[in-house]
Amino acid sequence: MKPVRILYIITLSEIGGAQKVVYHLAAGLEPGLFDIAVACAPGGELVGWLRGLPETIEVFELPELKRDISPLDDFKALWKLYSIIRKGNFDIVHCHSSKAGILGRLAARLAGVPAIYFTAHGWGLHAYQNWVARLFFIWAERLAGTVSTKVICVSEADLIKGKALKLAPAEKFTLIHNGLPEPDQNDGLLRGEFGFSKEDMVIGTVARLAPQKDPIFLLQVAERILSRQNSYAGQRQPFFVMIGDGPLRSSCKAYLTAKGIDKSVFLLGSREEAACLMRDFDVFVLFSRWEGLPLTIIEAMLGGCPVAATKVGGVSELVEDGKTGLLIDESDLAAAEAALMDLIANPPRRRAMGKAGRERALRLFSIDKMIQKYRDLYLERLPGCRQ
């Protein structure tokens, strides 16, 4: 029996949640049953991860595949994807991220692929868009939705939103939560690098320095907390660590300097070993403006770290407010400060939340559970391959 040929298409190869899902699927599906290829923008961490796997994964690098809209490059990318799909004789094309999701599904339909899937890692629709961009996105998603076999949402919130906006016929939607393996047991890497003692409080995040993740808001919260004197209930003044890079990096650095908090807040840039470094966090924070189902929260929970986050997208499906962390409304500065001060002042509560979060992540968001659900989804369309 021939293996099932799958082409994953994703826009960028940078470190991100969607890229990690693609990598874990490529690495976790049985080589004898599935033959995997990936198309994405050139360079980046994902390409390196895939080429480091023991199984040979064919990688197509497309310079024209970009996040921003560019009619000429988008047409070139569509044509190249169509050519790759036709020549590759793929049974399944599975797209991830908005741009790749639209171009990839249309190319797959033109090439006559029997099964076309799209995973929405959070819809590219939010309150900060102008109305023209919003209408164009809805039109493009509906067009691509009509040619999809299934549209996979990673959170119940996105499933409800997708159906409400009619981004695909209702019967095509399904839900598969993201999952992750346990991080390596490498405690102490971060504290050793920066000279933090075991008694030092470390509040950290792993997030792209971009408007979606609202890093300036986190810095505003940090400034308010660091300005307090002798108000940590016997705890040391905390340090803040931000792992990630992006277009707002220079703005973040300027803010730190202007406010005089650059000795207590550290910008580490993008780090491949972020999941290991997170094990030294006492509290994980993610104050995003919008989200799908953020893998960094799952990573924090697997590491036994309590979470403070905004209740946007699928975050409330991960974090049980008051049990595994604390949730706040978007852009509520006072609530964010209060949540962190609560966790700073209560070590027993932090430990209890971290333990409960780890148990929840292992139970509901394991990598094996995610891979099995995608495996079943693929094989239900190709019953002759079922094992």
Protein backbone atom coordinates (compact mmCIF):
# COMPACT_ATOMS: atom_id res chain seq x y z
CA MET A 1 0.00 0.00 0.00
CA LYS A 2 1.34 3.41 -0.96
CA PRO A 3 1.72 5.96 1.86
CA VAL A 4 -0.66 8.93 1.99
CA ARG A 5 1.04 11.94 0.40
CA ILE A 6 0.51 15.12 2.46
CA LEU A 7 1.70 18.64 1.64
CA TYR A 8 1.68 21.12 4.51
CA ILE A 9 1.64 24.78 3.44
CA ILE A 10 2.46 27.55 5.90
CA THR A 11 3.36 31.17 5.19
CA LEU A 12 6.44 31.82 7.33
CA SER A 13 9.18 29.61 8.79
CA GLU A 14 9.78 31.68 11.94
CA ILE A 15 9.28 30.36 15.46
CA GLY A 16 5.55 30.40 16.17
CA GLY A 17 2.62 28.28 17.27
CA ALA A 18 1.46 27.30 13.78
CA GLN A 19 5.01 26.35 12.80
CA LYS A 20 5.33 24.12 15.87
CA VAL A 21 2.10 22.34 14.98
CA VAL A 22 3.35 21.67 11.44
CA TYR A 23 6.67 20.41 12.78
CA HIS A 24 5.08 18.06 15.33
CA LEU A 25 2.70 16.64 12.72
CA ALA A 26 5.54 16.09 10.26
CA ALA A 27 7.64 14.45 12.97
CA GLY A 28 4.85 12.49 14.65
CA LEU A 29 2.85 10.86 11.84
CA GLU A 30 4.03 7.33 10.95
CA PRO A 31 6.56 7.41 8.08
CA GLY A 32 5.25 4.15 6.61
CA LEU A 33 1.69 5.41 6.44
CA PHE A 34 2.30 9.06 5.56
CA ASP A 35 4.75 10.73 3.17
CA ILE A 36 5.16 14.38 4.22
CA ALA A 37 6.31 17.50 2.36
CA VAL A 38 6.21 21.15 3.47
CA ALA A 39 6.01 24.42 1.50
CA CYS A 40 6.86 27.69 3.24
CA ALA A 41 8.87 30.90 2.99
CA PRO A 42 12.65 30.33 2.90
CA GLY A 43 15.00 30.25 5.87
CA GLY A 44 13.73 30.38 9.40
CA GLU A 45 13.63 27.87 12.21
CA LEU A 46 10.94 25.58 10.78
CA VAL A 47 13.05 24.71 7.73
CA GLY A 48 15.97 23.83 10.01
CA TRP A 49 13.80 21.72 12.31
CA LEU A 50 12.35 19.75 9.40
CA ARG A 51 15.73 19.08 7.82
CA GLY A 52 17.00 17.86 11.18
CA LEU A 53 14.44 15.05 11.36
CA PRO A 54 15.65 11.47 10.80
CA GLU A 55 12.94 10.95 8.18
CA THR A 56 13.42 12.81 4.91
CA ILE A 57 10.91 15.65 4.67
CA GLU A 58 10.85 17.41 1.31
CA VAL A 59 10.83 21.18 1.87
CA PHE A 60 9.79 23.66 -0.84
CA GLU A 61 10.98 27.20 -0.08
CA LEU A 62 8.94 29.94 -1.78
CA PRO A 63 10.34 33.51 -1.49
CA GLU A 64 7.04 34.86 -2.83
CA LEU A 65 5.09 33.47 0.15
CA LYS A 66 4.81 36.48 2.48
CA ARG A 67 2.49 37.64 5.26
CA ASP A 68 1.68 41.03 3.68
CA ILE A 69 -0.58 41.36 0.65
CA SER A 70 1.40 41.74 -2.59
CA PRO A 71 -0.63 41.00 -5.75
CA LEU A 72 2.37 40.08 -7.91
CA ASP A 73 4.09 37.90 -5.29
CA ASP A 74 0.77 36.35 -4.28
CA PHE A 75 0.06 35.34 -7.88
CA LYS A 76 3.57 33.88 -8.23
CA ALA A 77 3.14 31.95 -4.98
CA LEU A 78 -0.24 30.63 -6.15
CA TRP A 79 1.28 29.43 -9.43
CA LYS A 80 4.28 27.81 -7.72
CA LEU A 81 2.04 26.05 -5.21
CA TYR A 82 -0.17 24.79 -8.04
CA SER A 83 2.89 23.44 -9.88
CA ILE A 84 4.27 21.75 -6.74
CA ILE A 85 0.92 20.13 -5.99
CA ARG A 86 0.41 18.89 -9.56
CA LYS A 87 3.90 17.41 -9.79
CA GLY A 88 3.79 15.95 -6.28
CA ASN A 89 0.55 14.00 -6.77
CA PHE A 90 -0.56 14.73 -3.20
CA ASP A 91 -3.57 13.04 -1.62
CA ILE A 92 -3.98 15.78 0.99
CA VAL A 93 -3.05 19.46 1.13
CA HIS A 94 -3.21 20.90 4.64
CA CYS A 95 -2.74 24.67 4.99
CA HIS A 96 -1.83 26.72 8.07
CA SER A 97 -1.90 30.53 8.62
CA SER A 98 -4.10 33.03 6.77
CA LYS A 99 -2.12 33.80 3.59
CA ALA A 100 -1.05 30.19 2.98
CA GLY A 101 -4.56 29.09 3.89
CA ILE A 102 -6.12 31.08 1.07
CA LEU A 103 -3.48 30.61 -1.64
CA GLY A 104 -2.83 26.97 -0.75
CA ARG A 105 -6.47 25.91 -0.77
CA LEU A 106 -7.12 27.60 -4.10
CA ALA A 107 -4.00 26.02 -5.63
CA ALA A 108 -5.03 22.61 -4.30
CA ARG A 109 -8.51 22.96 -5.77
CA LEU A 110 -7.08 23.97 -9.17
CA ALA A 111 -4.77 20.95 -9.02
CA GLY A 112 -7.65 18.59 -8.24
CA VAL A 113 -6.49 17.42 -4.78
CA PRO A 114 -9.15 15.13 -3.23
CA ALA A 115 -8.77 16.36 0.38
CA ILE A 116 -8.06 20.00 1.31
CA TYR A 117 -7.71 21.05 4.95
CA PHE A 118 -7.10 24.36 6.68
CA THR A 119 -6.20 24.90 10.33
CA ALA A 120 -7.10 28.39 11.55
CA HIS A 121 -4.59 29.28 14.26
CA GLY A 122 -6.80 32.19 15.25
CA TRP A 123 -8.72 34.08 12.58
CA GLY A 124 -6.99 37.06 10.98
CA LEU A 125 -9.91 39.23 12.09
CA HIS A 126 -9.71 41.61 15.01
CA ALA A 127 -10.99 44.94 16.28
CA TYR A 128 -7.85 46.79 15.18
CA GLN A 129 -8.36 46.18 11.44
CA ASN A 130 -9.78 48.78 9.09
CA TRP A 131 -13.10 47.86 7.54
CA VAL A 132 -11.68 47.39 4.03
CA ALA A 133 -9.16 44.80 5.23
CA ARG A 134 -11.86 43.10 7.27
CA LEU A 135 -14.28 42.81 4.35
CA PHE A 136 -11.53 41.54 2.04
CA PHE A 137 -10.47 38.92 4.58
CA ILE A 138 -14.04 37.67 5.05
CA TRP A 139 -14.55 37.45 1.28
CA ALA A 140 -11.26 35.59 0.76
CA GLU A 141 -11.91 33.18 3.63
CA ARG A 142 -15.41 32.40 2.37
CA LEU A 143 -14.03 31.72 -1.11
CA ALA A 144 -11.37 29.37 0.26
CA GLY A 145 -13.88 27.85 2.66
CA THR A 146 -16.07 26.64 -0.19
CA VAL A 147 -13.23 24.49 -1.58
CA SER A 148 -12.16 23.09 1.82
CA THR A 149 -12.84 19.54 2.88
CA LYS A 150 -12.56 20.55 6.53
CA VAL A 151 -11.73 23.77 8.39
CA ILE A 152 -10.05 22.95 11.69
CA CYS A 153 -10.31 25.45 14.54
CA VAL A 154 -7.91 25.21 17.49
CA SER A 155 -10.35 26.72 19.98
CA GLU A 156 -14.08 26.66 20.62
CA ALA A 157 -14.05 30.47 20.44
CA ASP A 158 -12.68 30.39 16.89
CA LEU A 159 -15.14 27.66 15.90
CA ILE A 160 -18.06 29.82 17.03
CA LYS A 161 -16.61 32.90 15.31
CA GLY A 162 -15.95 31.07 12.04
CA LYS A 163 -19.49 29.74 11.90
CA ALA A 164 -21.02 33.11 12.85
CA LEU A 165 -19.12 34.85 10.02
CA LYS A 166 -19.92 31.98 7.62
CA LEU A 167 -16.24 31.60 6.68
CA ALA A 168 -17.09 28.08 5.48
CA PRO A 169 -20.23 25.93 5.39
CA ALA A 170 -21.12 24.98 8.98
CA GLU A 171 -20.72 21.24 8.40
CA LYS A 172 -17.09 21.69 7.34
CA PHE A 173 -15.94 23.04 10.71
CA THR A 174 -14.30 20.82 13.30
CA LEU A 175 -12.32 21.38 16.51
CA ILE A 176 -8.84 20.04 17.31
CA HIS A 177 -7.02 21.63 20.23
CA ASN A 178 -3.29 22.15 19.90
CA GLY A 179 -0.98 19.87 21.86
CA LEU A 180 2.67 19.80 22.86
CA PRO A 181 5.24 17.37 24.23
CA GLU A 182 6.68 17.97 27.67
CA PRO A 183 9.65 20.36 27.64
CA ASP A 184 13.13 19.10 28.47
CA GLN A 185 14.00 19.03 32.17
CA ASN A 186 16.59 21.81 31.97
CA ASP A 187 15.74 23.97 34.97
CA GLY A 188 18.26 26.67 35.79
CA LEU A 189 19.32 27.70 32.28
CA LEU A 190 17.75 31.15 32.49
CA ARG A 191 18.77 31.84 36.07
CA GLY A 192 22.32 30.75 35.30
CA GLU A 193 22.53 32.98 32.22
CA PHE A 194 21.42 36.13 34.08
CA GLY A 195 22.66 35.35 37.56
CA PHE A 196 19.20 35.16 39.11
CA SER A 197 19.13 33.31 42.42
CA LYS A 198 16.50 30.73 43.34
CA GLU A 199 14.92 33.37 45.57
CA ASP A 200 14.57 35.92 42.76
CA MET A 201 11.08 36.26 41.30
CA VAL A 202 11.05 35.91 37.49
CA ILE A 203 7.95 36.96 35.54
CA GLY A 204 8.27 36.07 31.89
CA THR A 205 6.63 35.81 28.51
CA VAL A 206 7.38 34.16 25.19
CA ALA A 207 5.73 36.18 22.45
CA ARG A 208 6.41 37.95 19.19
CA LEU A 209 7.06 41.66 19.75
CA ALA A 210 4.16 42.67 17.54
CA PRO A 211 0.84 44.52 18.01
CA GLN A 212 -1.13 41.29 18.55
CA LYS A 213 0.88 40.42 21.67
CA ASP A 214 0.86 44.04 22.95
CA PRO A 215 4.37 44.02 24.50
CA ILE A 216 4.20 47.72 25.41
CA PHE A 217 1.21 46.94 27.64
CA LEU A 218 3.30 44.35 29.49
CA LEU A 219 6.07 46.92 29.93
CA GLN A 220 3.54 49.38 31.36
CA VAL A 221 2.46 46.74 33.87
CA ALA A 222 6.10 45.99 34.71
CA GLU A 223 6.80 49.70 35.25
CA ARG A 224 3.92 50.00 37.71
CA ILE A 225 5.01 46.95 39.65
CA LEU A 226 8.68 47.92 39.72
CA SER A 227 7.78 51.42 40.96
CA ARG A 228 6.36 49.94 44.15
CA GLN A 229 8.68 50.12 47.17
CA ASN A 230 8.62 47.46 49.89
CA SER A 231 5.21 46.19 48.82
CA TYR A 232 6.00 42.61 47.80
CA ALA A 233 4.81 40.91 51.00
CA GLY A 234 8.29 39.74 51.92
CA GLN A 235 9.19 38.73 48.35
CA ARG A 236 12.05 40.25 46.39
CA GLN A 237 11.37 42.81 43.69
CA PRO A 238 10.72 40.79 40.52
CA PHE A 239 12.60 40.62 37.25
CA PHE A 240 10.76 40.56 33.91
CA VAL A 241 11.99 38.49 30.95
CA MET A 242 10.58 38.79 27.42
CA ILE A 243 11.58 36.09 24.92
CA GLY A 244 10.73 36.88 21.30
CA ASP A 245 11.43 39.29 18.50
CA GLY A 246 9.43 41.39 16.09
CA PRO A 247 8.70 44.83 14.67
CA LEU A 248 8.14 46.45 18.09
CA ARG A 249 11.54 45.48 19.50
CA SER A 250 13.04 48.96 19.07
CA SER A 251 9.94 50.54 20.64
CA CYS A 252 10.24 48.20 23.61
CA LYS A 253 13.93 49.03 24.09
CA ALA A 254 13.19 52.75 23.90
CA TYR A 255 10.42 52.38 26.50
CA LEU A 256 12.71 50.52 28.90
CA THR A 257 15.37 53.21 28.63
CA ALA A 258 12.93 56.11 28.93
CA LYS A 259 11.33 54.64 32.07
CA GLY A 260 14.62 53.57 33.64
CA ILE A 261 13.62 49.93 34.08
CA ASP A 262 16.16 48.36 31.72
CA LYS A 263 18.05 46.82 34.68
CA SER A 264 14.99 44.81 35.72
CA VAL A 265 13.38 43.98 32.36
CA PHE A 266 15.30 41.86 29.84
CA LEU A 267 14.60 41.47 26.11
CA LEU A 268 16.16 38.16 25.06
CA GLY A 269 15.12 38.10 21.41
CA SER A 270 14.06 34.89 19.68
CA ARG A 271 15.36 31.74 21.39
CA GLU A 272 14.86 28.19 20.11
CA GLU A 273 15.24 26.83 23.65
CA ALA A 274 12.42 29.09 24.92
CA ALA A 275 10.41 26.16 26.32
CA CYS A 276 13.38 25.17 28.49
CA LEU A 277 14.03 28.75 29.63
CA MET A 278 10.38 29.06 30.65
CA ARG A 279 10.92 26.44 33.34
CA ASP A 280 12.69 29.15 35.36
CA PHE A 281 9.67 31.47 35.25
CA ASP A 282 7.73 31.89 38.49
CA VAL A 283 4.80 33.39 36.55
CA PHE A 284 4.05 33.30 32.82
CA VAL A 285 2.23 36.28 31.30
CA LEU A 286 0.52 36.78 27.94
CA PHE A 287 -1.48 39.99 27.60
CA SER A 288 -2.50 39.59 23.94
CA ARG A 289 -5.13 41.63 22.12
CA TRP A 290 -6.36 38.58 20.22
CA GLU A 291 -5.40 34.89 20.08
CA GLY A 292 -6.19 31.46 18.72
CA LEU A 293 -5.00 28.81 21.18
CA PRO A 294 -1.53 29.99 22.25
CA LEU A 295 0.99 27.17 22.51
CA THR A 296 3.17 29.22 24.85
CA ILE A 297 0.49 28.97 27.53
CA ILE A 298 0.42 25.18 27.11
CA GLU A 299 4.23 25.15 27.39
CA ALA A 300 4.04 27.19 30.59
CA MET A 301 1.41 24.89 32.06
CA LEU A 302 3.42 21.78 31.19
CA GLY A 303 6.33 23.37 33.03
CA GLY A 304 4.20 23.85 36.15
CA CYS A 305 4.02 27.64 35.81
CA PRO A 306 0.92 29.67 36.78
CA VAL A 307 -0.42 31.95 34.06
CA ALA A 308 -1.67 35.54 34.00
CA ALA A 309 -3.31 36.35 30.66
CA THR A 310 -6.00 38.27 28.85
CA LYS A 311 -9.20 36.31 28.24
CA VAL A 312 -9.17 36.57 24.45
CA GLY A 313 -9.70 33.85 21.84
CA GLY A 314 -9.15 30.37 23.23
CA VAL A 315 -7.14 31.45 26.29
CA SER A 316 -10.02 30.70 28.67
CA GLU A 317 -10.16 27.16 27.24
CA LEU A 318 -6.59 26.69 28.47
CA VAL A 319 -6.50 28.63 31.74
CA GLU A 320 -9.06 28.01 34.47
CA ASP A 321 -9.39 31.40 36.13
CA GLY A 322 -8.48 31.16 39.80
CA LYS A 323 -7.35 27.52 39.49
CA THR A 324 -4.45 27.40 37.01
CA GLY A 325 -3.94 31.14 36.63
CA LEU A 326 -5.62 34.53 36.54
CA LEU A 327 -7.46 36.04 33.57
CA ILE A 328 -8.08 39.73 32.93
CA ASP A 329 -9.91 41.80 30.35
CA GLU A 330 -7.90 43.06 27.40
CA SER A 331 -5.93 46.29 28.06
CA ASP A 332 -7.04 46.50 31.72
CA LEU A 333 -3.85 47.89 33.27
CA ALA A 334 -5.10 47.95 36.85
CA ALA A 335 -6.37 44.36 36.65
CA ALA A 336 -3.09 43.14 35.15
CA GLU A 337 -1.11 44.81 37.92
CA ALA A 338 -3.41 43.38 40.58
CA ALA A 339 -3.18 39.86 39.12
CA LEU A 340 0.61 39.89 39.10
CA MET A 341 0.84 41.40 42.59
CA ASP A 342 -1.50 38.67 43.84
CA LEU A 343 0.78 35.98 42.41
CA ILE A 344 3.96 37.72 43.58
CA ALA A 345 2.67 37.89 47.16
CA ASN A 346 1.35 34.32 47.37
CA PRO A 347 3.99 31.60 46.73
CA PRO A 348 1.71 28.76 47.95
CA ARG A 349 -1.02 29.88 45.54
CA ARG A 350 1.50 30.06 42.68
CA ARG A 351 2.66 26.52 43.38
CA ALA A 352 -0.90 25.19 43.60
CA MET A 353 -1.88 26.87 40.33
CA GLY A 354 1.25 25.60 38.60
CA LYS A 355 0.57 22.03 39.73
CA ALA A 356 -3.08 22.21 38.63
CA GLY A 357 -2.07 23.72 35.28
CA ARG A 358 0.43 20.97 34.58
CA GLU A 359 -2.15 18.28 35.34
CA ARG A 360 -4.66 20.00 33.07
CA ALA A 361 -2.17 20.35 30.19
CA LEU A 362 -1.10 16.70 30.41
CA ARG A 363 -4.74 15.59 30.44
CA LEU A 364 -6.16 17.78 27.68
CA PHE A 365 -3.37 19.17 25.50
CA SER A 366 -0.90 16.35 24.90
CA ILE A 367 0.98 16.02 21.63
CA ASP A 368 -0.19 12.41 21.21
CA LYS A 369 -3.84 13.42 21.46
CA MET A 370 -3.42 16.16 18.83
CA ILE A 371 -1.56 13.92 16.37
CA GLN A 372 -4.10 11.11 16.77
CA LYS A 373 -7.00 13.45 15.98
CA TYR A 374 -5.31 14.74 12.82
CA ARG A 375 -4.40 11.17 11.83
CA ASP A 376 -8.03 10.09 12.18
CA LEU A 377 -9.19 13.13 10.21
CA TYR A 378 -6.85 12.33 7.31
CA LEU A 379 -7.75 8.64 7.16
CA GLU A 380 -11.51 9.15 7.32
CA ARG A 381 -11.26 10.74 3.86
CA LEU A 382 -9.07 7.91 2.59
CA PRO A 383 -10.70 4.77 4.04
CA GLY A 384 -8.58 2.42 1.95
CA CYS A 385 -5.55 3.52 3.99
CA ARG A 386 -7.10 2.91 7.41
CA GLN A 387 -5.03 0.71 9.71
